C-alpha atoms as a PDB file:
ATOM      1  CA  MET A   1      13.925   0.351  12.651  1.00  0.00           C
ATOM      2  CA  SER A   2      12.184  -1.000  15.696  1.00  0.00           C
ATOM      3  CA  ASP A   3      12.531  -4.711  16.421  1.00  0.00           C
ATOM      4  CA  SER A   4       8.920  -4.773  17.588  1.00  0.00           C
ATOM      5  CA  ILE A   5       7.737  -3.592  14.161  1.00  0.00           C
ATOM      6  CA  LEU A   6       9.833  -6.258  12.490  1.00  0.00           C
ATOM      7  CA  GLU A   7       8.343  -8.844  14.813  1.00  0.00           C
ATOM      8  CA  ILE A   8       4.843  -7.809  13.676  1.00  0.00           C
ATOM      9  CA  ASP A   9       5.274  -6.908  10.015  1.00  0.00           C
ATOM     10  CA  TYR A  10       7.453  -9.663   8.634  1.00  0.00           C
ATOM     11  CA  PRO A  11       5.423 -12.580  10.013  1.00  0.00           C
ATOM     12  CA  LEU A  12       2.307 -10.772   8.795  1.00  0.00           C
ATOM     13  CA  LEU A  13       3.813 -10.477   5.310  1.00  0.00           C
ATOM     14  CA  LYS A  14       4.839 -14.123   5.355  1.00  0.00           C
ATOM     15  CA  ALA A  15       1.325 -15.218   6.384  1.00  0.00           C
ATOM     16  CA  CYS A  16      -0.134 -13.126   3.596  1.00  0.00           C
ATOM     17  CA  LEU A  17       2.244 -14.486   0.965  1.00  0.00           C
ATOM     18  CA  ASN A  18       1.700 -18.064   2.116  1.00  0.00           C
ATOM     19  CA  ALA A  19      -2.094 -17.588   1.893  1.00  0.00           C
ATOM     20  CA  GLU A  20      -2.531 -18.545   5.521  1.00  0.00           C
ATOM     21  CA  PRO A  21      -6.096 -18.178   6.824  1.00  0.00           C
ATOM     22  CA  GLY A  22      -6.701 -14.522   7.630  1.00  0.00           C
ATOM     23  CA  GLY A  23      -3.296 -13.538   6.241  1.00  0.00           C
ATOM     24  CA  TRP A  24      -4.549 -11.072   3.634  1.00  0.00           C
ATOM     25  CA  LYS A  25      -7.217  -9.619   5.947  1.00  0.00           C
ATOM     26  CA  ASN A  26      -4.675  -9.084   8.717  1.00  0.00           C
ATOM     27  CA  PHE A  27      -2.271  -7.491   6.248  1.00  0.00           C
ATOM     28  CA  VAL A  28      -4.960  -5.096   4.992  1.00  0.00           C
ATOM     29  CA  ASP A  29      -6.063  -4.291   8.549  1.00  0.00           C
ATOM     30  CA  ARG A  30      -2.473  -3.511   9.556  1.00  0.00           C
ATOM     31  CA  PHE A  31      -1.627  -1.273   6.598  1.00  0.00           C
ATOM     32  CA  LEU A  32      -4.942   0.387   5.704  1.00  0.00           C
ATOM     33  CA  GLY A  33      -4.110   3.462   7.781  1.00  0.00           C
ATOM     34  CA  LEU A  34      -0.692   3.798   6.153  1.00  0.00           C
ATOM     35  CA  VAL A  35      -2.221   3.483   2.688  1.00  0.00           C
ATOM     36  CA  LEU A  36      -4.866   6.132   3.375  1.00  0.00           C
ATOM     37  CA  HIS A  37      -2.351   8.477   4.996  1.00  0.00           C
ATOM     38  CA  THR A  38       0.029   8.134   2.049  1.00  0.00           C
ATOM     39  CA  ILE A  39      -2.784   8.712  -0.451  1.00  0.00           C
ATOM     40  CA  ASP A  40      -3.786  11.897   1.372  1.00  0.00           C
ATOM     41  CA  HIS A  41      -0.215  13.123   1.767  1.00  0.00           C
ATOM     42  CA  THR A  42       0.674  12.490  -1.874  1.00  0.00           C
ATOM     43  CA  ALA A  43      -2.458  14.261  -3.090  1.00  0.00           C
ATOM     44  CA  ARG A  44      -1.713  17.264  -0.842  1.00  0.00           C
ATOM     45  CA  GLN A  45       1.834  17.435  -2.165  1.00  0.00           C
ATOM     46  CA  GLY A  46       0.390  17.564  -5.656  1.00  0.00           C
ATOM     47  CA  ARG A  47      -2.073  20.236  -4.503  1.00  0.00           C
ATOM     48  CA  VAL A  48      -4.984  17.991  -5.400  1.00  0.00           C
ATOM     49  CA  THR A  49      -8.168  17.599  -3.423  1.00  0.00           C
ATOM     50  CA  LEU A  50      -9.542  14.091  -3.757  1.00  0.00           C
ATOM     51  CA  THR A  51     -13.207  13.294  -3.483  1.00  0.00           C
ATOM     52  CA  ARG A  52     -14.209  10.567  -1.038  1.00  0.00           C
ATOM     53  CA  GLN A  53     -14.851   8.306  -4.026  1.00  0.00           C
ATOM     54  CA  GLU A  54     -11.425   9.003  -5.567  1.00  0.00           C
ATOM     55  CA  ARG A  55      -9.748   8.324  -2.223  1.00  0.00           C
ATOM     56  CA  SER A  56     -11.671   5.079  -1.852  1.00  0.00           C
ATOM     57  CA  ASP A  57     -10.904   4.075  -5.450  1.00  0.00           C
ATOM     58  CA  LEU A  58      -7.204   4.787  -4.942  1.00  0.00           C
ATOM     59  CA  CYS A  59      -7.144   2.718  -1.775  1.00  0.00           C
ATOM     60  CA  GLU A  60      -8.771  -0.156  -3.618  1.00  0.00           C
ATOM     61  CA  SER A  61      -6.316   0.268  -6.502  1.00  0.00           C
ATOM     62  CA  VAL A  62      -3.379   0.020  -4.114  1.00  0.00           C
ATOM     63  CA  PHE A  63      -4.586  -3.213  -2.572  1.00  0.00           C
ATOM     64  CA  ARG A  64      -5.452  -4.619  -6.003  1.00  0.00           C
ATOM     65  CA  ALA A  65      -1.932  -3.806  -7.161  1.00  0.00           C
ATOM     66  CA  LEU A  66      -0.531  -5.593  -4.114  1.00  0.00           C
ATOM     67  CA  TRP A  67      -2.776  -8.609  -4.755  1.00  0.00           C
ATOM     68  CA  HIS A  68      -2.151  -8.695  -8.533  1.00  0.00           C
ATOM     69  CA  ASN A  69      -0.198 -11.523 -10.127  1.00  0.00           C
ATOM     70  CA  ASP A  70       0.017 -13.659  -6.981  1.00  0.00           C
ATOM     71  CA  LYS A  71       1.064 -10.658  -4.858  1.00  0.00           C
ATOM     72  CA  GLU A  72       4.105  -9.997  -7.038  1.00  0.00           C
ATOM     73  CA  LEU A  73       4.784  -6.549  -5.556  1.00  0.00           C
ATOM     74  CA  LEU A  74       4.843  -8.028  -2.063  1.00  0.00           C
ATOM     75  CA  ARG A  75       7.009 -10.929  -3.187  1.00  0.00           C
ATOM     76  CA  ASN A  76       9.473  -8.397  -4.634  1.00  0.00           C
ATOM     77  CA  PHE A  77       9.981  -6.785  -1.231  1.00  0.00           C
ATOM     78  CA  ASN A  78      13.677  -7.336  -0.523  1.00  0.00           C
ATOM     79  CA  TYR A  79      13.836  -6.543   3.216  1.00  0.00           C
ATOM     80  CA  THR A  80      16.388  -3.745   2.757  1.00  0.00           C
ATOM     81  CA  SER A  81      13.929  -1.211   4.198  1.00  0.00           C
ATOM     82  CA  SER A  82      10.942  -1.422   6.463  1.00  0.00           C
ATOM     83  CA  LEU A  83       7.816  -2.898   4.967  1.00  0.00           C
ATOM     84  CA  SER A  84       6.017   0.374   5.737  1.00  0.00           C
ATOM     85  CA  THR A  85       8.550   2.353   3.716  1.00  0.00           C
ATOM     86  CA  TYR A  86       8.251  -0.046   0.808  1.00  0.00           C
ATOM     87  CA  LEU A  87       4.452   0.133   0.885  1.00  0.00           C
ATOM     88  CA  ALA A  88       4.508   3.934   1.055  1.00  0.00           C
ATOM     89  CA  VAL A  89       6.559   3.991  -2.157  1.00  0.00           C
ATOM     90  CA  VAL A  90       4.075   1.641  -3.852  1.00  0.00           C
ATOM     91  CA  VAL A  91       1.154   3.817  -2.730  1.00  0.00           C
ATOM     92  CA  ARG A  92       2.823   7.018  -3.947  1.00  0.00           C
ATOM     93  CA  ARG A  93       3.392   5.470  -7.372  1.00  0.00           C
ATOM     94  CA  VAL A  94      -0.258   4.429  -7.663  1.00  0.00           C
ATOM     95  CA  VAL A  95      -1.449   7.902  -6.625  1.00  0.00           C
ATOM     96  CA  ILE A  96       0.946   9.707  -8.961  1.00  0.00           C
ATOM     97  CA  ARG A  97      -0.148   7.501 -11.855  1.00  0.00           C
ATOM     98  CA  PHE A  98      -3.770   8.362 -11.030  1.00  0.00           C
ATOM     99  CA  LEU A  99      -3.064  12.091 -10.807  1.00  0.00           C
ATOM    100  CA  ARG A 100      -1.199  12.082 -14.116  1.00  0.00           C
ATOM    101  CA  SER A 101      -4.022  10.239 -15.848  1.00  0.00           C
ATOM    102  CA  ALA A 102      -6.536  12.717 -14.379  1.00  0.00           C
ATOM    103  CA  ASP A 103      -4.481  15.584 -15.826  1.00  0.00           C
ATOM    104  CA  GLU A 104      -4.711  14.001 -19.274  1.00  0.00           C
ATOM    105  CA  ASP A 105      -8.526  13.954 -19.182  1.00  0.00           C
END
C-alpha cells in the first residue's frame, strides 16, 4: 500500500469522522469514483444492467450507509487494509443487497 495514499486517505477519514468543516464533502469527493466503479463492476459481475436512476440510487444508498448512525461503518474501519479496499467491500454489499431485493420483486 502506497504511503502517499495513506497520507491522503487517513487524514481525510479522520476529518470526516471528527466532523471537521468540509470533511464529509472531501471524503465524498475523494471516493465517489471508487463507489461508482465498484457499483458498475459488481452489477456487471452479476450480469445486471443498471439504469442511470438505479446507479444513482445505489450511489446515494452507499453514502447514506456510510453516514448512518454517526458514520458507524467508517468508525468500524480497523486500518488492517486500505480504506479503498474497505469501502469497496461496503459498496459490494450494498449492491448485492439491492440486486437480491430486485430479484424478489
